[in-house]
C-alpha atoms as a PDB file:
ATOM      1  CA  MET A   1      -7.171  10.804 -34.288  1.00  0.00           C
ATOM      2  CA  THR A   2      -4.939  10.602 -37.221  1.00  0.00           C
ATOM      3  CA  LYS A   3      -1.355   9.156 -36.898  1.00  0.00           C
ATOM      4  CA  ILE A   4       0.310  11.937 -36.516  1.00  0.00           C
ATOM      5  CA  CYS A   5      -1.877  13.379 -34.055  1.00  0.00           C
ATOM      6  CA  ARG A   6      -1.358  10.392 -32.162  1.00  0.00           C
ATOM      7  CA  ALA A   7       2.189  10.276 -32.228  1.00  0.00           C
ATOM      8  CA  ILE A   8       2.583  13.884 -30.698  1.00  0.00           C
ATOM      9  CA  LEU A   9       0.233  12.583 -28.028  1.00  0.00           C
ATOM     10  CA  ILE A  10       2.296   9.600 -27.181  1.00  0.00           C
ATOM     11  CA  ILE A  11       5.583  11.458 -26.905  1.00  0.00           C
ATOM     12  CA  THR A  12       4.013  14.315 -24.456  1.00  0.00           C
ATOM     13  CA  ILE A  13       2.025  11.464 -22.518  1.00  0.00           C
ATOM     14  CA  LEU A  14       5.495   9.601 -22.281  1.00  0.00           C
ATOM     15  CA  ASN A  15       7.175  13.011 -21.259  1.00  0.00           C
ATOM     16  CA  ILE A  16       4.326  13.359 -18.238  1.00  0.00           C
ATOM     17  CA  PHE A  17       3.848   9.578 -17.313  1.00  0.00           C
ATOM     18  CA  LEU A  18       7.032   7.857 -17.743  1.00  0.00           C
ATOM     19  CA  VAL A  19       9.927  10.536 -18.164  1.00  0.00           C
ATOM     20  CA  ASN A  20       9.247  12.512 -15.095  1.00  0.00           C
ATOM     21  CA  ASP A  21      11.958  12.639 -12.632  1.00  0.00           C
ATOM     22  CA  ILE A  22      10.660  12.558  -9.141  1.00  0.00           C
ATOM     23  CA  SER A  23      14.051  11.628  -7.582  1.00  0.00           C
ATOM     24  CA  TYR A  24      13.626  13.978  -4.350  1.00  0.00           C
ATOM     25  CA  LEU A  25      13.459  13.851  -0.708  1.00  0.00           C
ATOM     26  CA  TYR A  26      10.403  12.674   0.814  1.00  0.00           C
ATOM     27  CA  ALA A  27       8.535  15.104   3.332  1.00  0.00           C
ATOM     28  CA  ILE A  28       4.831  15.731   4.737  1.00  0.00           C
ATOM     29  CA  ASP A  29       2.777  18.810   4.317  1.00  0.00           C
ATOM     30  CA  LYS A  30       1.873  19.011   8.223  1.00  0.00           C
ATOM     31  CA  LYS A  31      -0.465  21.863   7.547  1.00  0.00           C
ATOM     32  CA  LYS A  32      -2.614  20.023   5.252  1.00  0.00           C
ATOM     33  CA  GLU A  33      -2.350  16.779   7.022  1.00  0.00           C
ATOM     34  CA  ASN A  34      -4.531  17.420   9.482  1.00  0.00           C
ATOM     35  CA  LYS A  35      -7.103  19.914   8.176  1.00  0.00           C
ATOM     36  CA  ASN A  36      -8.125  17.663   5.148  1.00  0.00           C
ATOM     37  CA  SER A  37      -7.754  14.129   6.878  1.00  0.00           C
ATOM     38  CA  PRO A  38     -10.609  12.077   6.115  1.00  0.00           C
ATOM     39  CA  ASP A  39      -9.762   9.854   8.959  1.00  0.00           C
ATOM     40  CA  ASN A  40      -8.471  12.106  12.000  1.00  0.00           C
ATOM     41  CA  ASN A  41      -6.876   8.796  13.371  1.00  0.00           C
ATOM     42  CA  LEU A  42      -4.995   8.032  10.389  1.00  0.00           C
ATOM     43  CA  SER A  43      -2.024  10.169   9.480  1.00  0.00           C
ATOM     44  CA  ILE A  44      -0.112  10.345   6.086  1.00  0.00           C
ATOM     45  CA  ASN A  45       2.300   8.241   7.714  1.00  0.00           C
ATOM     46  CA  ASP A  46      -0.230   5.623   8.856  1.00  0.00           C
ATOM     47  CA  LEU A  47      -1.536   5.586   5.608  1.00  0.00           C
ATOM     48  CA  MET A  48       1.502   5.195   3.265  1.00  0.00           C
ATOM     49  CA  LYS A  49       3.153   2.495   6.198  1.00  0.00           C
ATOM     50  CA  LYS A  50      -0.545   0.522   5.137  1.00  0.00           C
ATOM     51  CA  VAL A  51       0.125   1.311   1.202  1.00  0.00           C
ATOM     52  CA  GLU A  52       3.473  -0.200   1.502  1.00  0.00           C
ATOM     53  CA  GLU A  53       2.527  -3.220   3.354  1.00  0.00           C
ATOM     54  CA  ARG A  54       0.177  -3.999   0.567  1.00  0.00           C
ATOM     55  CA  TYR A  55       2.807  -3.484  -2.209  1.00  0.00           C
ATOM     56  CA  PHE A  56       6.396  -4.087  -1.033  1.00  0.00           C
ATOM     57  CA  LYS A  57       8.143  -6.253  -3.371  1.00  0.00           C
ATOM     58  CA  LYS A  58       4.739  -7.791  -4.562  1.00  0.00           C
ATOM     59  CA  CYS A  59       4.320  -8.826  -8.011  1.00  0.00           C
ATOM     60  CA  PHE A  60       0.599  -7.417  -9.471  1.00  0.00           C
ATOM     61  CA  SER A  61      -1.051  -7.125 -12.662  1.00  0.00           C
ATOM     62  CA  ALA A  62      -4.451  -5.142 -13.367  1.00  0.00           C
ATOM     63  CA  ASN A  63      -6.766  -3.768 -16.359  1.00  0.00           C
ATOM     64  CA  PHE A  64      -6.708  -0.033 -16.995  1.00  0.00           C
ATOM     65  CA  LEU A  65      -8.268   2.763 -18.375  1.00  0.00           C
ATOM     66  CA  GLN A  66      -6.102   5.746 -19.510  1.00  0.00           C
ATOM     67  CA  GLU A  67      -7.162   9.427 -20.321  1.00  0.00           C
ATOM     68  CA  SER A  68      -4.637  11.607 -21.453  1.00  0.00           C
ATOM     69  CA  THR A  69      -5.279  15.393 -21.962  1.00  0.00           C
ATOM     70  CA  LEU A  70      -3.262  17.948 -24.055  1.00  0.00           C
ATOM     71  CA  LYS A  71      -4.724  20.903 -23.021  1.00  0.00           C
ATOM     72  CA  ALA A  72      -2.926  23.540 -25.357  1.00  0.00           C
ATOM     73  CA  MET A  73      -4.258  21.096 -28.492  1.00  0.00           C
ATOM     74  CA  GLY A  74      -7.555  20.534 -27.186  1.00  0.00           C
ATOM     75  CA  MET A  75      -6.887  16.738 -27.822  1.00  0.00           C
ATOM     76  CA  ILE A  76      -8.337  14.019 -25.429  1.00  0.00           C
ATOM     77  CA  ASP A  77      -7.149  10.552 -26.398  1.00  0.00           C
ATOM     78  CA  ASN A  78      -8.920   7.389 -24.621  1.00  0.00           C
ATOM     79  CA  ALA A  79      -6.832   3.798 -24.054  1.00  0.00           C
ATOM     80  CA  LYS A  80      -7.222   0.608 -22.285  1.00  0.00           C
ATOM     81  CA  GLY A  81      -5.180  -2.442 -21.976  1.00  0.00           C
ATOM     82  CA  SER A  82      -3.630  -4.835 -19.235  1.00  0.00           C
ATOM     83  CA  ALA A  83      -0.532  -3.876 -17.193  1.00  0.00           C
ATOM     84  CA  PHE A  84       1.811  -6.138 -14.996  1.00  0.00           C
ATOM     85  CA  PHE A  85       4.703  -5.026 -12.538  1.00  0.00           C
ATOM     86  CA  LYS A  86       7.648  -6.806 -10.476  1.00  0.00           C
ATOM     87  CA  HIS A  87       9.523  -5.397  -8.138  1.00  0.00           C
ATOM     88  CA  PRO A  88      12.150  -3.661  -8.979  1.00  0.00           C
ATOM     89  CA  GLY A  89      11.996  -1.688 -11.962  1.00  0.00           C
ATOM     90  CA  LYS A  90       9.961  -4.232 -14.435  1.00  0.00           C
ATOM     91  CA  MET A  91       6.623  -3.077 -16.292  1.00  0.00           C
ATOM     92  CA  LEU A  92       4.723  -4.198 -19.362  1.00  0.00           C
ATOM     93  CA  TRP A  93       2.089  -1.939 -20.359  1.00  0.00           C
ATOM     94  CA  LYS A  94      -0.050  -3.920 -23.133  1.00  0.00           C
ATOM     95  CA  TYR A  95      -2.323  -1.271 -24.891  1.00  0.00           C
ATOM     96  CA  ASP A  96      -5.315  -2.852 -26.881  1.00  0.00           C
ATOM     97  CA  GLU A  97      -7.043   0.083 -27.612  1.00  0.00           C
ATOM     98  CA  PRO A  98      -7.457   2.169 -29.482  1.00  0.00           C
ATOM     99  CA  GLU A  99      -4.378   0.585 -31.264  1.00  0.00           C
ATOM    100  CA  ILE A 100      -2.245  -2.221 -29.956  1.00  0.00           C
ATOM    101  CA  GLN A 101       1.055  -0.707 -28.344  1.00  0.00           C
ATOM    102  CA  VAL A 102       3.424  -2.485 -25.816  1.00  0.00           C
ATOM    103  CA  ILE A 103       5.495  -0.552 -23.571  1.00  0.00           C
ATOM    104  CA  VAL A 104       8.009  -2.918 -21.511  1.00  0.00           C
ATOM    105  CA  THR A 105      10.979  -2.420 -19.100  1.00  0.00           C
ATOM    106  CA  ASP A 106      13.371  -5.324 -17.492  1.00  0.00           C
ATOM    107  CA  GLY A 107      14.751  -2.547 -15.482  1.00  0.00           C
ATOM    108  CA  LYS A 108      17.646  -2.027 -17.466  1.00  0.00           C
ATOM    109  CA  LYS A 109      16.317  -1.334 -20.957  1.00  0.00           C
ATOM    110  CA  LEU A 110      12.969   0.437 -22.348  1.00  0.00           C
ATOM    111  CA  TRP A 111      11.247  -0.804 -25.424  1.00  0.00           C
ATOM    112  CA  ILE A 112       7.882   0.716 -27.241  1.00  0.00           C
ATOM    113  CA  TYR A 113       6.649  -1.307 -29.588  1.00  0.00           C
ATOM    114  CA  ARG A 114       3.925  -0.322 -32.329  1.00  0.00           C
ATOM    115  CA  PRO A 115       3.037  -3.365 -34.597  1.00  0.00           C
ATOM    116  CA  GLU A 116       0.658  -1.319 -37.008  1.00  0.00           C
ATOM    117  CA  ASP A 117       3.829   0.978 -37.821  1.00  0.00           C
ATOM    118  CA  LYS A 118       6.126  -1.632 -37.555  1.00  0.00           C
ATOM    119  CA  GLN A 119       7.874   0.461 -35.366  1.00  0.00           C
ATOM    120  CA  VAL A 120      10.279  -0.410 -31.887  1.00  0.00           C
ATOM    121  CA  MET A 121      11.478   2.713 -29.865  1.00  0.00           C
ATOM    122  CA  ILE A 122      14.466   1.527 -27.407  1.00  0.00           C
ATOM    123  CA  GLY A 123      15.962   3.543 -24.800  1.00  0.00           C
ATOM    124  CA  GLU A 124      17.985   2.887 -21.536  1.00  0.00           C
ATOM    125  CA  TRP A 125      16.070   2.458 -18.089  1.00  0.00           C
ATOM    126  CA  PRO A 126      17.777   4.756 -15.958  1.00  0.00           C
ATOM    127  CA  ASN A 127      17.011   7.465 -18.442  1.00  0.00           C
ATOM    128  CA  TYR A 128      13.102   7.152 -18.097  1.00  0.00           C
ATOM    129  CA  PHE A 129      12.995   5.162 -14.740  1.00  0.00           C
ATOM    130  CA  GLY A 130      16.034   5.354 -12.843  1.00  0.00           C
ATOM    131  CA  LYS A 131      15.767   6.623  -9.181  1.00  0.00           C
ATOM    132  CA  GLY A 132      12.295   6.718  -8.967  1.00  0.00           C
ATOM    133  CA  LYS A 133      11.673   8.568 -12.350  1.00  0.00           C
ATOM    134  CA  GLY A 134       7.995   8.064 -13.819  1.00  0.00           C
ATOM    135  CA  ALA A 135       5.700   5.035 -13.060  1.00  0.00           C
ATOM    136  CA  SER A 136       8.290   3.258 -11.535  1.00  0.00           C
ATOM    137  CA  PHE A 137       6.970   3.934  -7.935  1.00  0.00           C
ATOM    138  CA  LEU A 138       4.620   0.860  -9.039  1.00  0.00           C
ATOM    139  CA  THR A 139       7.409  -1.429  -8.924  1.00  0.00           C
ATOM    140  CA  ASP A 140       9.035  -0.027  -5.598  1.00  0.00           C
ATOM    141  CA  ILE A 141       6.356   1.703  -3.691  1.00  0.00           C
ATOM    142  CA  GLU A 142       8.704   3.150  -1.061  1.00  0.00           C
ATOM    143  CA  ILE A 143       9.794   5.347  -3.754  1.00  0.00           C
ATOM    144  CA  LEU A 144       6.993   7.538  -2.806  1.00  0.00           C
ATOM    145  CA  ARG A 145       7.741   8.419   0.607  1.00  0.00           C
ATOM    146  CA  GLU A 146      11.136   9.120  -0.429  1.00  0.00           C
ATOM    147  CA  SER A 147      10.287  11.388  -3.680  1.00  0.00           C
ATOM    148  CA  PHE A 148       7.291  13.723  -2.494  1.00  0.00           C
ATOM    149  CA  LEU A 149       5.567  16.225  -0.355  1.00  0.00           C
ATOM    150  CA  ILE A 150       2.734  14.353   0.540  1.00  0.00           C
ATOM    151  CA  SER A 151      -0.942  15.703   1.910  1.00  0.00           C
ATOM    152  CA  TYR A 152      -4.658  14.629   1.651  1.00  0.00           C
ATOM    153  CA  ALA A 153      -5.970  16.416  -1.570  1.00  0.00           C
ATOM    154  CA  SER A 154      -8.814  18.975  -1.335  1.00  0.00           C
ATOM    155  CA  ASP A 155     -12.065  19.055  -2.986  1.00  0.00           C
ATOM    156  CA  SER A 156     -11.222  22.219  -5.201  1.00  0.00           C
ATOM    157  CA  GLU A 157      -8.233  20.005  -6.666  1.00  0.00           C
ATOM    158  CA  ILE A 158     -10.106  16.633  -7.359  1.00  0.00           C
ATOM    159  CA  ASP A 159     -13.224  14.936  -6.981  1.00  0.00           C
ATOM    160  CA  ILE A 160     -13.028  13.686  -3.364  1.00  0.00           C
ATOM    161  CA  SER A 161     -17.170  12.983  -2.744  1.00  0.00           C
ATOM    162  CA  ASP A 162     -16.386   9.070  -2.952  1.00  0.00           C
ATOM    163  CA  ASN A 163     -16.065   8.346   0.909  1.00  0.00           C
ATOM    164  CA  ASN A 164     -14.391   5.079  -0.186  1.00  0.00           C
ATOM    165  CA  PHE A 165     -11.236   6.236  -0.784  1.00  0.00           C
ATOM    166  CA  TYR A 166      -7.739   8.374   0.653  1.00  0.00           C
ATOM    167  CA  ASN A 167      -6.973  10.940  -2.185  1.00  0.00           C
ATOM    168  CA  LEU A 168      -3.715  12.014  -2.002  1.00  0.00           C
ATOM    169  CA  LYS A 169      -2.081  14.793  -3.394  1.00  0.00           C
ATOM    170  CA  LEU A 170       1.629  14.675  -4.133  1.00  0.00           C
ATOM    171  CA  ILE A 171       4.096  17.323  -5.607  1.00  0.00           C
ATOM    172  CA  PRO A 172       7.715  16.739  -6.419  1.00  0.00           C
ATOM    173  CA  LYS A 173       9.989  18.901  -3.790  1.00  0.00           C
ATOM    174  CA  ILE A 174      11.495  20.553  -6.707  1.00  0.00           C
ATOM    175  CA  SER A 175       9.224  20.923  -9.599  1.00  0.00           C
ATOM    176  CA  ASN A 176       9.750  20.989 -13.506  1.00  0.00           C
ATOM    177  CA  SER A 177       7.885  21.271 -16.626  1.00  0.00           C
ATOM    178  CA  ASP A 178       7.606  17.779 -17.171  1.00  0.00           C
ATOM    179  CA  PHE A 179       5.745  17.218 -13.818  1.00  0.00           C
ATOM    180  CA  SER A 180       4.170  19.276 -11.336  1.00  0.00           C
ATOM    181  CA  SER A 181       2.063  17.288  -9.326  1.00  0.00           C
ATOM    182  CA  LEU A 182       0.134  13.542  -8.696  1.00  0.00           C
ATOM    183  CA  TYR A 183      -3.041  12.462  -7.233  1.00  0.00           C
ATOM    184  CA  LEU A 184      -3.604   9.231  -5.861  1.00  0.00           C
ATOM    185  CA  LYS A 185      -7.266   7.230  -4.877  1.00  0.00           C
ATOM    186  CA  ILE A 186      -6.594   4.565  -2.409  1.00  0.00           C
ATOM    187  CA  SER A 187      -9.355   2.211  -1.519  1.00  0.00           C
ATOM    188  CA  LYS A 188     -10.063   2.229   2.677  1.00  0.00           C
ATOM    189  CA  LYS A 189     -10.705  -1.320   1.988  1.00  0.00           C
ATOM    190  CA  ASN A 190      -7.523  -2.734   0.911  1.00  0.00           C
ATOM    191  CA  TYR A 191      -5.454   0.210   0.621  1.00  0.00           C
ATOM    192  CA  GLU A 192      -4.776  -0.628  -2.976  1.00  0.00           C
ATOM    193  CA  ILE A 193      -3.980   2.431  -5.681  1.00  0.00           C
ATOM    194  CA  GLN A 194      -7.431   2.533  -7.851  1.00  0.00           C
ATOM    195  CA  GLU A 195      -6.434   5.628  -9.758  1.00  0.00           C
ATOM    196  CA  LEU A 196      -3.573   7.997 -10.486  1.00  0.00           C
ATOM    197  CA  ILE A 197      -3.393  11.750 -12.034  1.00  0.00           C
ATOM    198  CA  SER A 198      -0.838  13.177 -12.934  1.00  0.00           C
ATOM    199  CA  TYR A 199       0.083  17.088 -14.700  1.00  0.00           C
ATOM    200  CA  ASN A 200       2.662  18.658 -16.062  1.00  0.00           C
ATOM    201  CA  ALA A 201       3.545  22.167 -15.816  1.00  0.00           C
ATOM    202  CA  TYR A 202       1.132  22.961 -18.826  1.00  0.00           C
ATOM    203  CA  GLU A 203      -1.736  21.416 -17.327  1.00  0.00           C
ATOM    204  CA  ASP A 204      -1.665  18.380 -19.505  1.00  0.00           C
ATOM    205  CA  LYS A 205      -3.142  15.517 -17.841  1.00  0.00           C
ATOM    206  CA  THR A 206      -3.024  11.820 -17.687  1.00  0.00           C
ATOM    207  CA  LYS A 207      -5.710   9.882 -15.632  1.00  0.00           C
ATOM    208  CA  ILE A 208      -5.295   5.768 -15.394  1.00  0.00           C
ATOM    209  CA  GLN A 209      -7.759   3.677 -13.263  1.00  0.00           C
ATOM    210  CA  PHE A 210      -6.860   0.378 -12.353  1.00  0.00           C
ATOM    211  CA  LYS A 211      -9.596  -2.282 -12.566  1.00  0.00           C
ATOM    212  CA  ASP A 212      -9.307  -5.997 -11.336  1.00  0.00           C
ATOM    213  CA  LEU A 213      -6.052  -5.893  -9.533  1.00  0.00           C
ATOM    214  CA  LYS A 214      -4.365  -9.142  -8.750  1.00  0.00           C
ATOM    215  CA  PHE A 215      -1.472  -9.780  -6.473  1.00  0.00           C
ATOM    216  CA  HIS A 216       1.013 -12.752  -7.739  1.00  0.00           C
ATOM    217  CA  LYS A 217       3.223 -14.984  -6.156  1.00  0.00           C
ATOM    218  CA  ASP A 218       5.939 -14.317  -9.013  1.00  0.00           C
ATOM    219  CA  LEU A 219       6.000 -12.928 -12.542  1.00  0.00           C
ATOM    220  CA  LEU A 220       8.335 -14.441 -15.100  1.00  0.00           C
ATOM    221  CA  ASP A 221      11.069 -12.217 -15.907  1.00  0.00           C
ATOM    222  CA  SER A 222      10.815 -13.205 -19.631  1.00  0.00           C
ATOM    223  CA  GLN A 223       7.469 -10.998 -19.274  1.00  0.00           C
ATOM    224  CA  PHE A 224       9.702  -8.026 -19.152  1.00  0.00           C
ATOM    225  CA  ASN A 225      11.652  -8.644 -21.929  1.00  0.00           C
ATOM    226  CA  PHE A 226      11.309  -8.152 -25.537  1.00  0.00           C
ATOM    227  CA  ASN A 227      12.328  -9.628 -28.831  1.00  0.00           C
ATOM    228  CA  ILE A 228      12.147  -7.379 -31.663  1.00  0.00           C
ATOM    229  CA  PRO A 229      10.037  -8.578 -34.592  1.00  0.00           C
ATOM    230  CA  GLU A 230      11.826  -9.031 -37.574  1.00  0.00           C
ATOM    231  CA  GLY A 231      11.345  -6.262 -40.120  1.00  0.00           C
ATOM    232  CA  SER A 232      10.550  -3.634 -37.551  1.00  0.00           C
ATOM    233  CA  ASP A 233      12.014   0.072 -38.010  1.00  0.00           C
ATOM    234  CA  VAL A 234      14.326   0.443 -34.951  1.00  0.00           C
ATOM    235  CA  ILE A 235      14.370   4.020 -33.190  1.00  0.00           C
ATOM    236  CA  GLN A 236      16.755   4.767 -30.558  1.00  0.00           C
ATOM    237  CA  MET A 237      15.441   6.867 -28.435  1.00  0.00           C
ATOM    238  CA  ASP A 238      18.609   7.938 -26.395  1.00  0.00           C
ATOM    239  CA  ASN A 239      20.566   9.368 -29.300  1.00  0.00           C
END
């Protein structure tokens, strides 16, 4: 894939995955909750409580595999790397393949570093992650219950054949073109999020699978700061 095509893809992924405004009131789709529940004894409320208990104000890291699809352009891009999360609002995504890239936020600033191009993109955290935007729910799990209509997913929407997972469908109460739906695969064994799939209104898709997830007693705040390398081309995303 050419650098120009990859640049277009990265910008679109940011719109789908990072710049999704999900600051809406939480509600549960009662009609779907009972119909599609894989466990009649576990309501959406009960499941979300268990997920919150697992993640609440905790630090964790994981390796990830990412598949991003731009439907209109017929482009599919695969990537992998590692990610680190700390409450509240701190994230570090380190891409190893297909090229090195770093996305990091300290809860105030956002940096996107592309060493091959000697380029650093800088933005203000609230514009991309504030009030529950984008992937920030991974650093504050309670945002899910505040932001989405939540129901169990059906087999017509995603593959739910693996009985080891709870499959959730999350819809923002007020949809927009950047973000239309989110699906989560949650382990029945430990209530960890194993996979997330997001769509926008144009049916572009981003799927991220987490592997080797580890919880940590703490992660240094310095991990979520970025020192701009000398000679880098700096681009202000908010201008």
